Each structure stands twice: as C-alpha cells, then as structure tokens.
Amino acid sequence: MAPADELSGELVDDYLRLGLAFDRLEEGFVDAYTGDPALRAEVANAAAPEPAELARRARSLLARVAEEPDSARAGFVAAHLRALECSARKFAGEDIGFIDEVKSYFDVDISPADPEGYRVAHAGLAEALDAPGATGERLAEAYAAYRRSDEIPADRVDECVRAFSGALRERVRGIFPLPDSEIIEFEVVSDKPWSGFNYYLGDYRSKVAINTDLTQHMSNLPHLIAHEAYPGHHTEHCRKEQLLVGGGGQQEQTIFLVNTPQCLMAEGLADHALHAAMGPDWPSWAQEIYADLGLRFDADRAARVGKATAGLLSVRQDAALLLHDQGRGEDEAAAFLQRWLLATPERSRQMLRFLTSPLWRAYISTYVEGYRLLQTWLDVAGNDDDARLRRFGRLLDEPLIPESLRAELAR
C-alpha cells in the first residue's frame, strides 16, 4: 500500500490504461495525454474494448482506490473513475437520465432556472443598449445591432488574436511563471460545434483552434484568448505538467478526459481567466489594444452589456434540459435559445450542434455550473485582490475537484 500522500503506481497505470481505452470507443474522448507513449501504444494495439468491460474495470479500480490511504490524489482518481463508469454504461447503450448523467460526469446537480431571472436580465440589457423597456423582437433587434457594431472584420481576426495573446502572455507570465519553452500555435478552422479549442500537446506546447464559422466579436475575443491560452487552459496544463507531474510524480495528471470533473474545473477556471488576469476593468485595457489596431471598441458599453447578459448564463443548460430531460424537440430548443439568449436562428442551430453531439451533449454544464462553483469559491476572498489571485493560482496548480471545493466552502 502506498504512503498517505501517494498512490500505488500500478493503480495509476491501470487508471491511465482505462482512460486511454475510451479513445478507442470515441475519438476525442482523451482530450490530452502527455504520459508514457508506450502505455498509449499498448492500449492502441490491444483488441477493441467492450463498453461493458470498461464499466466493470472502472468499478474494480474504484474498489482498489478505496483501499488506498485517504488523500487528495485518491479522491481525484475516484471521482474520475465514477465519471468513466457512467460513460462506459452510456456507450454500452444503457438508458441514463440526463440529470443523473451530468451528476456522474461532473459531480454537480442541475435543474431548470427560473425564467423570471431571464426577464430581469433582459430588462438590464435593454438599459445597457439604450433601449429601456424594450422586450421581445425590439430587444432582439437592438441586441443584434449592438453585436454587428462589435464584429471584428474577418481579415483582422488573426491580427487581433496575436495582439491579445501577446499582451496576456506577458501579463500572466509575470504572475504565474511558465517554462521558457512554453508556446502556443494558433490556427483557424471551420465546421466545428465550438468557438475555440485548446489542444494541449505536452512539453508546454498547445495548439489553439479558432472556429471561423462564427463571427468574432471585440467584446468576446479577449475572453476567448484568456480562456484557451493565458491564464486559461494552456496555462493550467503547463503549470500542472511542471508542478504536479514533473515536480510531484502525479502521473494521473498526464491524462485529460472528456466528461469528467476535470472538465468542470478547467472550464470554470478558464471562464474566470480574463478577470483573474486583468481585473473587472478589462474592457478599458481591451479598448487600448483595439485602438492601437485602429479598431473602435466601446469599453463602457461592453461592460454594461456584459453585466446584463451574465444573468443569461443558464439558458444553454436549460435548452439541454429541454432536449434531453424533458424530451422536447430541436425546434423548441432553438426557439428557447432565440427567445432568452436573443440568438439568431443561425446561431441557435450552431449551438444545437454542440447540445446534441453524443460526446458533448452534457458538456454545457461545465461552463454553467463550473463558473458558478468557482465564482462562489473565489468570492471567499472578498475584495482582497491579492487573496483572490492566490486562490485562482491554486486552481492552476492543485488537483482540485468539485467535492474538494465544496468541502472547503463548508468549512
């Protein structure tokens, strides 16, 4: 049996083998793997796994983890084994309720939001758009006009991406040191259900893809770059590879698996990344960068619109509940997105691609519940900016899971 602060190396290897096997069922299930390539080759060259057998292996590993000393590492692996066991049962064709599926994957409970909150958010948005009292079609038109004014010309997107990634990289490296060799390659892609994606390649390298099917907006691009790069996904991967794997021998951190608590933590962290790096007045900082590029960005209006639309955080999760819990059709879900999120018909259908993807359908909850849980946990720091930044640093550096955050909050 391993010491209290360690896990059996054999158990960790078996956990990695199990996780890697899921990529044989659904390519892309393993979001990143930076461990021993021989282990990956072993799994790739083995017979194709049966989902029911993977579920059995997950349960067997859970029993072995229970025999290990209680530790943060044991809790981390156990939470991920529970998620993998549910995924295996789904792949095997078992009928699992959507709410139970989300609970098993991400260790959070979800339920529909009160539409009254969306009405309040719409009222605030109407004020921010200088259209007080506007509702329904009039509000949608005002919001669409604002979004058009906020568009980045397609031929300027690459330039803007590089400007913000450079500025954020310099800022973040001064707060959360990264290896000198870390680097990101940006590329544009199309025909994807997401707006951006970080492919972590290991050795402190990432490839970040930006989906050109979606119009990029000035108010969103800084969030996107912070989310995918600095101090979001890329920064987290680098820090954990350096500190937990290289410095701590925690080989379970060499694999990142879709539909696990890792994802909820990572997406919640990344959605708080811009605020962590630049503070609440990030629009003024962005306005200066856009001005240097010859683009006009209204920082004050962006801040007011952003504050109002924050009240619409749950809309996409509610649309997923309509589809997968209440059995409503895609047309009704699209209408729901158009009503409350003020999405265009084309944008609502793009969102449905993500919400109906077999691999990604539950993933929307990582953005909603991840943001909320981490917000509550970060808010413990109150108005102490330094304390808040230290807490954000813990998210980058420690193998935290939803259960451990809730335990800290309870104390």
Protein backbone atom coordinates (compact mmCIF):
# COMPACT_ATOMS: atom_id res chain seq x y z
CA MET A 1 0.00 0.00 0.00
CA ALA A 2 1.28 3.49 -0.88
CA PRO A 3 2.15 6.15 1.75
CA ALA A 4 -0.65 8.55 2.68
CA ASP A 5 0.42 11.24 0.17
CA GLU A 6 0.91 8.81 -2.72
CA LEU A 7 -0.97 6.29 -4.83
CA SER A 8 0.13 2.87 -5.99
CA GLY A 9 1.95 3.25 -9.31
CA GLU A 10 0.25 0.11 -10.60
CA LEU A 11 -3.18 1.56 -9.78
CA VAL A 12 -2.35 4.83 -11.55
CA ASP A 13 -1.11 2.95 -14.63
CA ASP A 14 -4.35 0.95 -14.72
CA TYR A 15 -6.32 4.20 -14.44
CA LEU A 16 -4.39 5.61 -17.41
CA ARG A 17 -4.95 2.42 -19.43
CA LEU A 18 -8.67 2.66 -18.71
CA GLY A 19 -8.87 6.30 -19.71
CA LEU A 20 -6.89 5.74 -22.91
CA ALA A 21 -9.21 2.87 -23.86
CA PHE A 22 -12.14 5.30 -24.14
CA ASP A 23 -10.48 6.90 -27.16
CA ARG A 24 -10.99 3.54 -28.89
CA LEU A 25 -14.74 3.98 -28.38
CA GLU A 26 -14.95 7.68 -29.30
CA GLU A 27 -12.02 9.54 -30.82
CA GLY A 28 -11.54 12.78 -28.90
CA PHE A 29 -12.62 11.36 -25.54
CA VAL A 30 -8.98 11.69 -24.48
CA ASP A 31 -8.58 15.43 -24.74
CA ALA A 32 -4.87 15.30 -23.90
CA TYR A 33 -2.31 12.69 -22.90
CA THR A 34 1.30 13.54 -22.05
CA GLY A 35 2.35 10.35 -20.28
CA ASP A 36 4.40 7.32 -21.28
CA PRO A 37 3.91 6.78 -25.05
CA ALA A 38 4.49 3.04 -24.56
CA LEU A 39 1.34 2.89 -22.43
CA ARG A 40 -0.66 4.60 -25.15
CA ALA A 41 0.74 2.26 -27.79
CA GLU A 42 -0.15 -0.74 -25.63
CA VAL A 43 -3.79 0.38 -25.45
CA ALA A 44 -3.91 1.31 -29.14
CA ASN A 45 -2.61 -2.11 -30.19
CA ALA A 46 -4.90 -4.12 -27.93
CA ALA A 47 -8.22 -5.58 -29.01
CA ALA A 48 -11.04 -3.04 -29.26
CA PRO A 49 -12.62 -2.70 -25.80
CA GLU A 50 -16.21 -3.54 -24.96
CA PRO A 51 -18.02 -0.71 -23.12
CA ALA A 52 -19.48 -3.07 -20.51
CA GLU A 53 -15.99 -4.37 -19.75
CA LEU A 54 -14.70 -0.81 -19.31
CA ALA A 55 -17.52 -0.16 -16.83
CA ARG A 56 -16.51 -3.30 -14.90
CA ARG A 57 -12.85 -2.22 -14.88
CA ALA A 58 -13.85 1.24 -13.57
CA ARG A 59 -15.77 -0.34 -10.69
CA SER A 60 -12.86 -2.66 -9.90
CA LEU A 61 -10.43 0.26 -9.82
CA LEU A 62 -12.81 2.20 -7.56
CA ALA A 63 -12.68 -0.67 -5.08
CA ARG A 64 -8.88 -0.61 -5.20
CA VAL A 65 -8.79 3.16 -4.64
CA ALA A 66 -10.97 2.66 -1.54
CA GLU A 67 -8.18 0.52 -0.07
CA GLU A 68 -5.62 3.31 -0.51
CA PRO A 69 -4.96 5.89 2.25
CA ASP A 70 -7.40 8.78 2.12
CA SER A 71 -5.75 11.62 0.18
CA ALA A 72 -6.46 14.33 -2.37
CA ARG A 73 -4.94 12.12 -5.08
CA ALA A 74 -7.16 9.17 -4.16
CA GLY A 75 -10.22 11.44 -4.15
CA PHE A 76 -9.26 12.84 -7.56
CA VAL A 77 -8.90 9.40 -9.17
CA ALA A 78 -12.08 8.07 -7.53
CA ALA A 79 -14.16 10.99 -8.84
CA HIS A 80 -12.88 10.37 -12.36
CA LEU A 81 -13.48 6.64 -12.17
CA ARG A 82 -17.11 7.28 -11.26
CA ALA A 83 -17.42 9.50 -14.32
CA LEU A 84 -15.77 6.92 -16.57
CA GLU A 85 -18.03 4.17 -15.26
CA CYS A 86 -21.08 6.22 -16.28
CA SER A 87 -19.60 6.97 -19.71
CA ALA A 88 -18.95 3.26 -20.27
CA ARG A 89 -22.55 2.42 -19.39
CA LYS A 90 -23.73 5.10 -21.83
CA PHE A 91 -21.52 3.66 -24.58
CA ALA A 92 -22.99 0.24 -23.76
CA GLY A 93 -26.45 1.60 -24.55
CA GLU A 94 -27.80 1.92 -21.02
CA ASP A 95 -30.59 4.47 -20.60
CA ILE A 96 -29.31 7.02 -18.06
CA GLY A 97 -31.32 10.12 -17.25
CA PHE A 98 -29.68 13.37 -18.35
CA ILE A 99 -29.57 14.90 -14.86
CA ASP A 100 -28.00 11.71 -13.46
CA GLU A 101 -25.55 11.68 -16.37
CA VAL A 102 -24.39 15.22 -15.58
CA LYS A 103 -24.11 14.36 -11.88
CA SER A 104 -21.96 11.29 -12.60
CA TYR A 105 -19.68 13.13 -15.01
CA PHE A 106 -19.16 16.43 -13.22
CA ASP A 107 -20.35 15.91 -9.62
CA VAL A 108 -22.90 18.75 -9.76
CA ASP A 109 -26.69 18.84 -9.51
CA ILE A 110 -28.59 20.74 -12.19
CA SER A 111 -32.17 21.96 -12.52
CA PRO A 112 -34.01 24.47 -14.74
CA ALA A 113 -33.57 28.12 -13.89
CA ASP A 114 -36.47 30.46 -13.06
CA PRO A 115 -37.36 32.37 -16.26
CA GLU A 116 -38.01 35.44 -14.10
CA GLY A 117 -34.23 35.79 -13.81
CA TYR A 118 -34.01 35.94 -17.59
CA ARG A 119 -36.67 38.66 -17.70
CA VAL A 120 -34.65 40.71 -15.20
CA ALA A 121 -31.53 40.20 -17.31
CA HIS A 122 -33.41 41.33 -20.42
CA ALA A 123 -34.52 44.50 -18.62
CA GLY A 124 -30.91 45.23 -17.66
CA LEU A 125 -29.77 44.54 -21.21
CA ALA A 126 -32.37 46.93 -22.62
CA GLU A 127 -30.97 49.68 -20.36
CA ALA A 128 -27.39 48.85 -21.41
CA LEU A 129 -28.41 49.11 -25.08
CA ASP A 130 -30.07 52.49 -24.52
CA ALA A 131 -33.45 50.93 -25.30
CA PRO A 132 -35.16 51.00 -21.89
CA GLY A 133 -38.31 48.92 -21.74
CA ALA A 134 -37.55 47.03 -24.94
CA THR A 135 -38.68 43.41 -24.95
CA GLY A 136 -39.17 40.61 -27.45
CA GLU A 137 -38.45 41.45 -31.07
CA ARG A 138 -37.49 45.05 -30.31
CA LEU A 139 -34.88 43.95 -27.75
CA ALA A 140 -33.57 41.27 -30.13
CA GLU A 141 -33.15 43.88 -32.86
CA ALA A 142 -31.31 46.27 -30.52
CA TYR A 143 -29.01 43.46 -29.38
CA ALA A 144 -28.38 42.33 -32.96
CA ALA A 145 -27.43 45.90 -33.90
CA TYR A 146 -25.00 46.05 -30.98
CA ARG A 147 -23.50 42.69 -31.99
CA ARG A 148 -23.00 43.93 -35.56
CA SER A 149 -21.20 47.02 -34.30
CA ASP A 150 -18.98 44.76 -32.19
CA GLU A 151 -17.88 42.48 -35.03
CA ILE A 152 -14.22 42.09 -35.90
CA PRO A 153 -13.64 42.22 -39.67
CA ALA A 154 -12.72 38.72 -40.82
CA ASP A 155 -9.39 39.89 -42.25
CA ARG A 156 -8.41 41.43 -38.88
CA VAL A 157 -9.15 38.43 -36.62
CA ASP A 158 -5.68 36.91 -36.85
CA GLU A 159 -4.05 40.25 -36.05
CA CYS A 160 -6.32 40.74 -33.03
CA VAL A 161 -5.71 37.21 -31.78
CA ARG A 162 -1.96 37.76 -31.83
CA ALA A 163 -2.21 41.15 -30.15
CA PHE A 164 -4.30 39.86 -27.24
CA SER A 165 -2.39 36.60 -26.85
CA GLY A 166 0.88 38.52 -26.71
CA ALA A 167 -0.41 41.03 -24.17
CA LEU A 168 -1.99 38.34 -21.98
CA ARG A 169 1.09 36.10 -22.18
CA GLU A 170 3.31 38.91 -20.92
CA ARG A 171 0.89 39.74 -18.12
CA VAL A 172 0.31 36.15 -17.00
CA ARG A 173 3.94 35.04 -17.08
CA GLY A 174 4.68 37.84 -14.63
CA ILE A 175 2.08 36.48 -12.19
CA PHE A 176 2.21 32.72 -12.77
CA PRO A 177 5.69 31.86 -14.10
CA LEU A 178 5.78 29.42 -17.01
CA PRO A 179 8.68 27.48 -18.54
CA ASP A 180 10.69 29.47 -21.08
CA SER A 181 9.87 26.84 -23.71
CA GLU A 182 6.08 27.20 -23.49
CA ILE A 183 4.44 28.17 -26.75
CA ILE A 184 1.04 28.28 -28.47
CA GLU A 185 0.32 27.86 -32.14
CA PHE A 186 -2.95 29.48 -33.25
CA GLU A 187 -4.89 28.23 -36.28
CA VAL A 188 -8.28 28.90 -37.84
CA VAL A 189 -10.68 26.02 -38.52
CA SER A 190 -14.29 25.53 -39.66
CA ASP A 191 -17.19 23.08 -39.35
CA LYS A 192 -16.82 22.66 -35.57
CA PRO A 193 -19.52 22.81 -32.86
CA TRP A 194 -17.40 25.09 -30.64
CA SER A 195 -15.91 28.60 -30.96
CA GLY A 196 -12.41 27.74 -29.79
CA PHE A 197 -10.46 24.69 -28.63
CA ASN A 198 -7.14 24.09 -26.89
CA TYR A 199 -5.19 21.01 -27.95
CA TYR A 200 -2.51 20.51 -25.33
CA LEU A 201 0.43 18.67 -26.89
CA GLY A 202 2.67 18.26 -23.86
CA ASP A 203 6.11 19.72 -23.15
CA TYR A 204 4.41 23.08 -22.51
CA ARG A 205 3.03 23.36 -26.05
CA SER A 206 -0.55 23.97 -27.20
CA LYS A 207 -2.39 24.36 -30.46
CA VAL A 208 -5.42 26.67 -30.17
CA ALA A 209 -8.03 26.48 -32.90
CA ILE A 210 -10.41 29.38 -33.59
CA ASN A 211 -13.63 28.50 -35.44
CA THR A 212 -14.14 30.86 -38.37
CA ASP A 213 -17.73 29.70 -38.89
CA LEU A 214 -18.60 32.02 -36.01
CA THR A 215 -18.18 35.77 -36.31
CA GLN A 216 -15.65 37.00 -33.77
CA HIS A 217 -16.66 39.97 -31.62
CA MET A 218 -14.46 42.55 -29.93
CA SER A 219 -16.14 42.09 -26.55
CA ASN A 220 -15.66 38.31 -26.67
CA LEU A 221 -12.21 37.84 -28.20
CA PRO A 222 -10.25 38.79 -25.04
CA HIS A 223 -12.33 36.22 -23.12
CA LEU A 224 -11.67 33.59 -25.78
CA ILE A 225 -7.89 34.12 -25.73
CA ALA A 226 -7.76 34.19 -21.93
CA HIS A 227 -9.97 31.08 -21.78
CA GLU A 228 -7.94 28.98 -24.21
CA ALA A 229 -4.47 30.36 -23.51
CA TYR A 230 -3.42 32.83 -20.78
CA PRO A 231 -4.24 32.19 -17.95
CA GLY A 232 -6.78 29.54 -19.01
CA HIS A 233 -6.36 26.05 -20.45
CA HIS A 234 -2.79 26.34 -21.76
CA THR A 235 -1.53 27.92 -18.56
CA GLU A 236 -3.27 25.31 -16.40
CA HIS A 237 -1.87 22.42 -18.44
CA CYS A 238 1.65 23.88 -18.28
CA ARG A 239 1.55 24.54 -14.55
CA LYS A 240 0.18 21.09 -13.72
CA GLU A 241 2.67 19.35 -16.02
CA GLN A 242 5.52 21.26 -14.39
CA LEU A 243 4.43 21.12 -10.74
CA LEU A 244 2.27 18.02 -10.34
CA VAL A 245 3.75 15.66 -12.93
CA GLY A 246 7.36 16.82 -13.16
CA GLY A 247 7.66 18.02 -9.58
CA GLY A 248 5.24 15.68 -7.82
CA GLY A 249 5.17 12.48 -9.85
CA GLN A 250 1.37 12.58 -10.12
CA GLN A 251 1.08 10.60 -13.34
CA GLU A 252 -2.73 10.65 -13.19
CA GLN A 253 -2.40 14.29 -14.25
CA THR A 254 -0.92 13.24 -17.61
CA ILE A 255 -4.37 12.44 -18.97
CA PHE A 256 -7.30 14.81 -19.50
CA LEU A 257 -10.61 13.09 -20.22
CA VAL A 258 -13.87 14.50 -21.57
CA ASN A 259 -16.96 14.28 -19.34
CA THR A 260 -15.10 14.15 -16.03
CA PRO A 261 -14.78 16.54 -13.05
CA GLN A 262 -11.51 17.77 -14.59
CA CYS A 263 -13.57 19.41 -17.31
CA LEU A 264 -15.89 21.27 -14.96
CA MET A 265 -12.91 22.64 -13.03
CA ALA A 266 -10.99 23.55 -16.18
CA GLU A 267 -13.89 25.32 -17.89
CA GLY A 268 -14.86 27.19 -14.73
CA LEU A 269 -11.24 28.30 -14.32
CA ALA A 270 -10.97 29.36 -17.96
CA ASP A 271 -14.20 31.35 -17.82
CA HIS A 272 -12.75 33.31 -14.88
CA ALA A 273 -9.37 33.69 -16.57
CA LEU A 274 -9.73 37.18 -18.07
CA HIS A 275 -10.99 38.64 -14.79
CA ALA A 276 -8.12 36.94 -12.94
CA ALA A 277 -5.52 38.36 -15.31
CA MET A 278 -6.86 41.87 -15.89
CA GLY A 279 -9.44 42.53 -13.19
CA PRO A 280 -13.01 43.80 -13.59
CA ASP A 281 -11.88 46.79 -15.69
CA TRP A 282 -10.59 44.55 -18.51
CA PRO A 283 -12.75 46.40 -21.13
CA SER A 284 -10.67 49.57 -20.69
CA TRP A 285 -7.48 47.55 -21.23
CA ALA A 286 -9.01 45.93 -24.32
CA GLN A 287 -10.11 49.33 -25.66
CA GLU A 288 -6.49 50.49 -25.67
CA ILE A 289 -5.31 47.41 -27.58
CA TYR A 290 -8.08 47.75 -30.15
CA ALA A 291 -7.26 51.45 -30.55
CA ASP A 292 -3.64 50.56 -31.33
CA LEU A 293 -5.02 48.29 -34.07
CA GLY A 294 -7.25 51.06 -35.44
CA LEU A 295 -10.49 49.49 -34.18
CA ARG A 296 -13.09 51.31 -32.09
CA PHE A 297 -14.27 49.40 -29.03
CA ASP A 298 -16.68 50.98 -26.54
CA ALA A 299 -15.38 49.71 -23.18
CA ASP A 300 -18.15 51.26 -21.09
CA ARG A 301 -20.94 49.82 -23.18
CA ALA A 302 -19.29 46.40 -23.35
CA ALA A 303 -19.04 46.35 -19.56
CA ARG A 304 -22.73 47.24 -19.17
CA VAL A 305 -23.86 44.66 -21.73
CA GLY A 306 -21.62 42.01 -20.17
CA LYS A 307 -23.05 42.64 -16.72
CA ALA A 308 -26.60 42.28 -18.05
CA THR A 309 -26.01 39.15 -20.12
CA ALA A 310 -24.35 37.42 -17.16
CA GLY A 311 -27.90 36.79 -15.98
CA LEU A 312 -28.43 34.55 -19.02
CA LEU A 313 -25.71 32.07 -18.04
CA SER A 314 -28.13 29.15 -17.60
CA VAL A 315 -30.03 29.48 -20.88
CA ARG A 316 -27.96 26.92 -22.82
CA GLN A 317 -28.13 24.42 -19.95
CA ASP A 318 -31.89 24.89 -19.82
CA ALA A 319 -32.02 24.19 -23.56
CA ALA A 320 -30.09 20.96 -22.93
CA LEU A 321 -32.60 20.02 -20.24
CA LEU A 322 -35.46 20.66 -22.68
CA LEU A 323 -33.85 18.32 -25.19
CA HIS A 324 -32.51 15.51 -23.05
CA ASP A 325 -34.54 15.58 -19.82
CA GLN A 326 -37.95 16.80 -20.96
CA GLY A 327 -37.87 15.21 -24.42
CA ARG A 328 -38.67 18.38 -26.35
CA GLY A 329 -37.62 18.67 -29.97
CA GLU A 330 -34.80 20.67 -31.52
CA ASP A 331 -37.20 23.28 -32.90
CA GLU A 332 -38.47 24.06 -29.41
CA ALA A 333 -34.94 24.20 -28.02
CA ALA A 334 -33.88 26.53 -30.84
CA ALA A 335 -36.87 28.79 -30.13
CA PHE A 336 -35.91 28.82 -26.44
CA LEU A 337 -32.37 29.96 -27.30
CA GLN A 338 -33.72 32.63 -29.63
CA ARG A 339 -36.16 33.92 -27.02
CA TRP A 340 -33.95 34.10 -23.96
CA LEU A 341 -30.41 34.27 -25.34
CA LEU A 342 -31.56 36.52 -28.20
CA ALA A 343 -29.66 34.25 -30.58
CA THR A 344 -30.28 34.46 -34.32
CA PRO A 345 -31.84 31.35 -35.91
CA GLU A 346 -28.46 30.50 -37.44
CA ARG A 347 -26.62 30.90 -34.12
CA SER A 348 -29.22 28.84 -32.26
CA ARG A 349 -28.76 25.97 -34.72
CA GLN A 350 -24.98 26.17 -34.27
CA MET A 351 -25.50 25.88 -30.51
CA LEU A 352 -27.71 22.85 -31.05
CA ARG A 353 -24.85 21.09 -32.84
CA PHE A 354 -22.99 21.17 -29.53
CA LEU A 355 -26.01 20.34 -27.37
CA THR A 356 -26.95 17.31 -29.49
CA SER A 357 -23.45 15.90 -30.05
CA PRO A 358 -23.27 12.42 -28.45
CA LEU A 359 -19.89 13.28 -26.92
CA TRP A 360 -20.57 16.89 -25.92
CA ARG A 361 -24.30 17.00 -25.06
CA ALA A 362 -23.75 17.16 -21.27
CA TYR A 363 -20.68 19.37 -21.50
CA ILE A 364 -22.59 22.67 -21.44
CA SER A 365 -22.96 22.19 -17.67
CA THR A 366 -19.20 22.58 -17.21
CA TYR A 367 -19.50 26.23 -18.28
CA VAL A 368 -22.62 26.95 -16.23
CA GLU A 369 -22.03 25.03 -13.02
CA GLY A 370 -18.24 25.30 -13.23
CA TYR A 371 -18.45 29.07 -13.44
CA ARG A 372 -20.88 29.24 -10.51
CA LEU A 373 -18.98 26.89 -8.21
CA LEU A 374 -15.64 28.57 -8.82
CA GLN A 375 -17.24 32.01 -8.50
CA THR A 376 -18.54 31.10 -5.05
CA TRP A 377 -15.16 29.68 -4.05
CA LEU A 378 -13.20 32.67 -5.38
CA ASP A 379 -15.60 35.08 -3.69
CA VAL A 380 -14.38 33.83 -0.30
CA ALA A 381 -11.50 36.26 -0.87
CA GLY A 382 -13.96 39.16 -0.78
CA ASN A 383 -12.47 42.44 -2.02
CA ASP A 384 -8.88 41.32 -1.36
CA ASP A 385 -7.50 41.20 -4.91
CA ASP A 386 -4.27 39.51 -3.84
CA ALA A 387 -6.13 36.79 -1.94
CA ARG A 388 -8.41 36.22 -4.93
CA LEU A 389 -5.41 35.89 -7.24
CA ARG A 390 -3.82 33.37 -4.87
CA ARG A 391 -7.00 31.32 -4.92
CA PHE A 392 -7.01 31.39 -8.72
CA GLY A 393 -3.40 30.21 -8.61
CA ARG A 394 -4.49 27.21 -6.56
CA LEU A 395 -6.90 26.28 -9.34
CA LEU A 396 -3.98 26.32 -11.77
CA ASP A 397 -1.61 24.37 -9.56
CA GLU A 398 -3.60 21.89 -7.47
CA PRO A 399 -5.64 18.78 -8.44
CA LEU A 400 -8.87 20.27 -7.09
CA ILE A 401 -12.28 18.76 -7.85
CA PRO A 402 -15.83 19.96 -7.13
CA GLU A 403 -16.01 17.86 -3.97
CA SER A 404 -12.88 19.45 -2.51
CA LEU A 405 -14.13 22.98 -3.24
CA ARG A 406 -17.47 22.24 -1.59
CA ALA A 407 -15.66 20.81 1.44
CA GLU A 408 -13.60 24.00 1.77
CA LEU A 409 -16.72 26.15 1.45
CA ALA A 410 -18.47 24.10 4.12
CA ARG A 411 -15.59 24.78 6.50
